[in-house]
Amino acid sequence: MWAGLKGKHLRVKMDLKRYVDTPYPFFLIFTINEHLLLGACWEGEFEGANVDVYGFFQELLMAGSHMLRSDDPRVQKYSQSERKLAEWDKFRLGNEPVVYRTTLISEAAGLYYFCSTKDLARIYYHNELLEFTDCPEYKGKHRGVVELPLKEFVQDVLKISREFLDEYAQIIEKIRLKHGEKPGGYDYLWDLYREVKELYEKRFKLES
């Protein structure tokens, strides 16, 4: 059973029926507009990548937090370090002051650089699963960059994260416990959500 979370640009689908006994037990598809960032396409159908769902949303919120703290010396120092890694990973970034590197806590399925300027969010991606697609519309599109307004990106991250926490976190937790995993808490994820929400409101409070 697929559960969907939808923002203006960001889309997430989680398979709540399948579970595999690994650190990445759930199947998830992540798209931004027409770009398939996480997941695969086979015979005309989307297939999810194995992920830690909690970690996936944590990384989206962490990226949003960094993007909204471009004046923070710690973020600046971290971004300089991440930029060096991007060169090693053969990504050609722009001149964005904020750089956040992540795998989105997926099982060897991709690498992502969430970057931002004052007004724009840019996500550079390499979706390894998509390299082997047999879907003509996605051939050669396993690497790319997505650009959208920073405000709208963070709005979407907040929207889908809140929906996950309100509607699906308990379902995910019940599935984990059913398969013998130790109980987990969502306090940190809630704290991170509230942090990004506060940063967003402070950053865009003067805009309509």
Protein backbone atom coordinates (compact mmCIF):
# COMPACT_ATOMS: atom_id res chain seq x y z
CA MET A 1 0.00 0.00 0.00
CA TRP A 2 1.52 3.27 -1.14
CA ALA A 3 1.04 6.40 0.97
CA GLY A 4 1.59 9.75 -0.70
CA LEU A 5 2.76 13.13 0.58
CA LYS A 6 2.46 16.06 -1.78
CA GLY A 7 3.70 19.64 -1.80
CA LYS A 8 3.76 22.17 -4.62
CA HIS A 9 6.99 20.71 -6.01
CA LEU A 10 8.00 17.79 -3.77
CA ARG A 11 6.33 14.38 -3.89
CA VAL A 12 7.01 11.40 -1.62
CA LYS A 13 5.45 7.95 -1.85
CA MET A 14 6.09 5.29 0.81
CA ASP A 15 5.18 1.62 0.54
CA LEU A 16 3.61 0.66 3.89
CA LYS A 17 3.08 -2.97 2.88
CA ARG A 18 6.59 -4.14 2.06
CA TYR A 19 9.35 -4.38 4.66
CA VAL A 20 12.85 -5.84 4.41
CA ASP A 21 15.00 -6.68 7.41
CA THR A 22 17.83 -4.21 6.77
CA PRO A 23 18.78 -0.76 8.09
CA TYR A 24 16.78 0.56 5.10
CA PRO A 25 13.54 -1.39 5.49
CA PHE A 26 11.00 0.67 3.54
CA PHE A 27 10.53 1.49 -0.15
CA LEU A 28 10.25 5.17 -1.05
CA ILE A 29 9.96 7.32 -4.18
CA PHE A 30 10.99 10.97 -4.11
CA THR A 31 10.41 13.43 -6.94
CA ILE A 32 10.77 17.19 -7.37
CA ASN A 33 8.63 18.36 -10.26
CA GLU A 34 9.48 16.02 -13.17
CA HIS A 35 12.83 14.89 -11.68
CA LEU A 36 13.03 11.41 -10.12
CA LEU A 37 15.61 11.86 -7.37
CA LEU A 38 15.08 8.65 -5.42
CA GLY A 39 13.62 5.47 -6.83
CA ALA A 40 13.63 3.72 -10.19
CA CYS A 41 11.50 3.26 -13.28
CA TRP A 42 11.03 -0.22 -14.75
CA GLU A 43 8.70 -1.18 -17.58
CA GLY A 44 6.83 2.09 -17.27
CA GLU A 45 6.30 1.82 -13.53
CA PHE A 46 7.99 3.59 -10.61
CA GLU A 47 9.75 1.47 -7.99
CA GLY A 48 10.93 2.64 -4.61
CA ALA A 49 14.44 2.72 -3.23
CA ASN A 50 15.20 1.16 0.15
CA VAL A 51 15.40 3.85 2.82
CA ASP A 52 15.27 4.61 6.52
CA VAL A 53 12.10 6.73 6.45
CA TYR A 54 12.91 8.57 9.68
CA GLY A 55 16.35 9.40 8.32
CA PHE A 56 14.93 10.55 4.99
CA PHE A 57 12.76 13.22 6.61
CA GLN A 58 15.52 14.14 9.02
CA GLU A 59 17.83 14.87 6.09
CA LEU A 60 15.24 16.98 4.27
CA LEU A 61 14.71 19.07 7.40
CA MET A 62 18.45 19.35 8.02
CA ALA A 63 18.92 20.60 4.46
CA GLY A 64 16.19 23.17 5.03
CA SER A 65 17.78 24.27 8.29
CA HIS A 66 21.14 24.83 6.61
CA MET A 67 19.59 26.69 3.70
CA LEU A 68 17.91 29.14 6.08
CA ARG A 69 21.09 29.79 8.09
CA SER A 70 23.44 31.03 5.40
CA ASP A 71 24.81 33.73 7.75
CA ASP A 72 25.72 31.20 10.45
CA PRO A 73 29.55 30.81 10.59
CA ARG A 74 29.11 27.11 11.38
CA VAL A 75 27.01 26.59 8.25
CA GLN A 76 29.56 28.54 6.20
CA LYS A 77 32.42 26.40 7.46
CA TYR A 78 30.44 23.20 6.94
CA SER A 79 29.48 24.28 3.40
CA GLN A 80 33.12 24.90 2.47
CA SER A 81 33.95 21.37 3.55
CA GLU A 82 30.99 19.93 1.63
CA ARG A 83 32.00 21.84 -1.49
CA LYS A 84 35.37 20.06 -1.46
CA LEU A 85 33.57 16.73 -1.24
CA ALA A 86 31.41 17.73 -4.21
CA GLU A 87 34.54 18.12 -6.32
CA TRP A 88 35.68 14.67 -5.22
CA ASP A 89 32.22 13.29 -6.10
CA LYS A 90 32.47 14.96 -9.54
CA PHE A 91 29.59 17.37 -8.98
CA ARG A 92 29.93 20.79 -10.59
CA LEU A 93 28.21 23.12 -8.15
CA GLY A 94 27.49 26.78 -8.72
CA ASN A 95 28.51 29.57 -6.37
CA GLU A 96 25.88 28.80 -3.75
CA PRO A 97 26.96 29.83 -0.22
CA VAL A 98 25.15 26.88 1.40
CA VAL A 99 26.01 23.27 0.55
CA TYR A 100 24.56 20.21 2.31
CA ARG A 101 25.55 16.71 1.21
CA THR A 102 23.40 13.63 1.90
CA THR A 103 22.43 10.18 0.68
CA LEU A 104 18.89 10.75 2.02
CA ILE A 105 19.62 7.64 4.11
CA SER A 106 19.04 5.32 1.19
CA GLU A 107 20.76 2.03 0.48
CA ALA A 108 23.47 2.93 -2.06
CA ALA A 109 20.84 4.56 -4.24
CA GLY A 110 22.17 8.05 -4.75
CA LEU A 111 23.99 11.17 -3.66
CA TYR A 112 22.57 14.65 -3.26
CA TYR A 113 23.84 18.19 -2.70
CA PHE A 114 21.21 20.56 -1.37
CA CYS A 115 22.46 24.07 -2.09
CA SER A 116 20.98 27.53 -1.79
CA THR A 117 21.49 31.17 -2.61
CA LYS A 118 19.50 33.98 -1.00
CA ASP A 119 16.37 33.15 -2.98
CA LEU A 120 16.93 29.82 -4.75
CA ALA A 121 17.24 26.19 -3.78
CA ARG A 122 19.30 23.95 -6.06
CA ILE A 123 19.44 20.20 -5.61
CA TYR A 124 22.20 18.42 -7.50
CA TYR A 125 21.54 14.70 -7.69
CA HIS A 126 22.92 11.37 -8.83
CA ASN A 127 20.23 8.69 -8.65
CA GLU A 128 22.19 5.47 -9.14
CA LEU A 129 19.12 3.26 -9.50
CA LEU A 130 17.95 5.32 -12.44
CA GLU A 131 21.13 4.56 -14.39
CA PHE A 132 19.66 1.17 -15.31
CA THR A 133 16.15 2.32 -16.25
CA ASP A 134 14.39 0.89 -19.27
CA CYS A 135 11.92 3.80 -19.33
CA PRO A 136 12.77 6.02 -22.33
CA GLU A 137 11.67 9.22 -20.60
CA TYR A 138 14.26 8.71 -17.84
CA LYS A 139 17.23 7.43 -19.83
CA GLY A 140 20.24 9.65 -19.21
CA LYS A 141 18.44 11.54 -16.45
CA HIS A 142 20.05 9.85 -13.45
CA ARG A 143 22.16 12.98 -12.89
CA GLY A 144 20.92 16.55 -12.92
CA VAL A 145 19.99 19.63 -10.99
CA VAL A 146 16.62 20.95 -9.83
CA GLU A 147 16.12 24.65 -9.18
CA LEU A 148 13.14 26.19 -7.41
CA PRO A 149 12.41 29.15 -5.14
CA LEU A 150 13.94 28.65 -1.70
CA LYS A 151 10.72 29.74 -0.02
CA GLU A 152 8.66 27.15 -1.89
CA PHE A 153 11.19 24.40 -1.28
CA VAL A 154 11.13 24.96 2.49
CA GLN A 155 7.34 25.28 2.45
CA ASP A 156 7.13 21.85 0.83
CA VAL A 157 9.64 20.30 3.24
CA LEU A 158 7.63 21.61 6.19
CA LYS A 159 4.31 20.47 4.71
CA ILE A 160 5.29 16.90 3.91
CA SER A 161 7.32 16.49 7.12
CA ARG A 162 4.37 17.62 9.23
CA GLU A 163 2.04 15.27 7.37
CA PHE A 164 4.46 12.42 7.93
CA LEU A 165 4.74 13.14 11.65
CA ASP A 166 0.98 13.58 12.10
CA GLU A 167 -0.29 10.75 9.92
CA TYR A 168 2.38 8.15 9.22
CA ALA A 169 5.05 8.13 11.94
CA GLN A 170 2.93 5.95 14.22
CA ILE A 171 2.14 3.58 11.35
CA ILE A 172 5.84 3.25 10.51
CA GLU A 173 6.60 2.65 14.18
CA LYS A 174 3.98 -0.12 14.46
CA ILE A 175 5.45 -1.84 11.40
CA ARG A 176 8.96 -1.62 12.89
CA LEU A 177 7.83 -3.06 16.22
CA LYS A 178 5.94 -5.85 14.45
CA HIS A 179 9.22 -6.91 12.85
CA GLY A 180 11.08 -6.99 16.17
CA GLU A 181 12.81 -3.63 16.05
CA LYS A 182 13.44 -1.58 19.17
CA PRO A 183 11.02 1.30 19.89
CA GLY A 184 12.11 4.61 18.46
CA GLY A 185 11.13 8.14 19.33
CA TYR A 186 10.26 11.10 17.16
CA ASP A 187 11.09 13.91 19.59
CA TYR A 188 14.21 14.93 17.68
CA LEU A 189 12.35 15.00 14.38
CA TRP A 190 9.65 17.19 15.93
CA ASP A 191 12.32 19.50 17.36
CA LEU A 192 13.95 19.74 13.94
CA TYR A 193 10.61 20.47 12.30
CA ARG A 194 9.92 23.27 14.78
CA GLU A 195 13.42 24.69 14.24
CA VAL A 196 12.96 24.87 10.47
CA LYS A 197 9.47 26.33 10.87
CA GLU A 198 10.81 29.07 13.14
CA LEU A 199 13.69 29.82 10.77
CA TYR A 200 11.28 29.93 7.84
CA GLU A 201 8.91 32.33 9.59
CA LYS A 202 11.80 34.58 10.61
CA ARG A 203 13.33 34.52 7.12
CA PHE A 204 10.11 35.23 5.20
CA LYS A 205 8.02 37.13 7.77
CA LEU A 206 8.13 40.34 5.72
CA GLU A 207 6.88 38.60 2.57
CA SER A 208 3.27 37.89 1.77
